[in-house]
């Protein structure tokens, strides 16, 4: 088959959708297949060093213009068959092209724009409202990363359940315990004990609640830990900085905005706790990365996160600050509990394999194309 991979709206490999696309390409490049893959992406994306370049991969530069919405440029793009007719097109970018007629697959990461509109900018929310519903209707098959998102699509958009396939992604191979973490920790001037968050700094990640709960836990359990927040600023992030400034733990909150991926395993490995209290997730790749590196995980009991964490970590109501603070204090003062959580996390992470991810994805391509 000749398979198109639509990454037009992606411009870097920082956010979850970009990480998914990168891992999709890496996984497909490792498959013993005669299939050909045509990758549609702008030049910045196509030049990323991490992207594979085997002989059966063909990169088509789609020069997106800054200042012009990438999602609109994707919708206006029509040269899908520039290097030969495609048997199927996979748009792994939230919004599938509405006007594309041949067999296609769409990955829908989440419905935050619909379920939690207050956590998204009006521009992104508007594009998604305009294009996602007709795009899904046009797509031959839909992939979600969790059962919870599948349920949301069926309930909110009335999509037939048999059109949707749940395929859990995997963490990249670099996410494993880092034996050389001391030098990287010293590079960022990190203390020996810290709670870690990794992700885009935006309202949906519920970081203000984490800041408040962390400060309360420090007081309750007499902790010396710092809170390390790793991630680029997304949208609607000002309240995060206001919450830190208003906190009595503000001197123990560390922001790290530009951390290369190769340093993340060391930060995960050294963390005494990884906390991810997002209000809504379509999957939550940082949770899987943290477990893969041996960090004990505390996550919200909402949306897809229980599917990722399973029984490996602890789950909490993401709006209950006292309960979160109590749980943080409990974990950080119980060495045996942390050790048990680490071992359970390793076992849980191994279930999300690249082999399964690729096998199921290729099955969907063949199903959509009718081959």
Foldseek 3Di string as FASTA:
>chain_A
DEEEEEPAQDQDCAAPLSVLSQLLQVLVVPDPDPYAYEYEYAPNSVPPPSGDDDPRYHYDHDHDDPPDRSLVSQLPDDVRQVPHDHLEYEYSDQFARLPDQHAYEYEHWAVCLPPPVVFDDPVVSVSNVVTRLSRVVRHQAYEFQFVLRLVVCCVPNVDDSVRYDHFHAAHDPLLAADPPLPVLCVVLVADQEEEEEEHEQTVQQLLLLVLLLQLVLCVVQVDPYAYEYEEAHDPHRPVNVVSLVPGPRVVRYHYHYDDDPNNVLSVLLSYLEYEGEGPETSADVVLLSSLNRQHAYEYAPDRHDCVQCPPLHHYDHSVDSNVSSVVVNVSVVDPVVSNSSSVSSNVSNVVNDSVRNNVVVVVSSCVSSVD
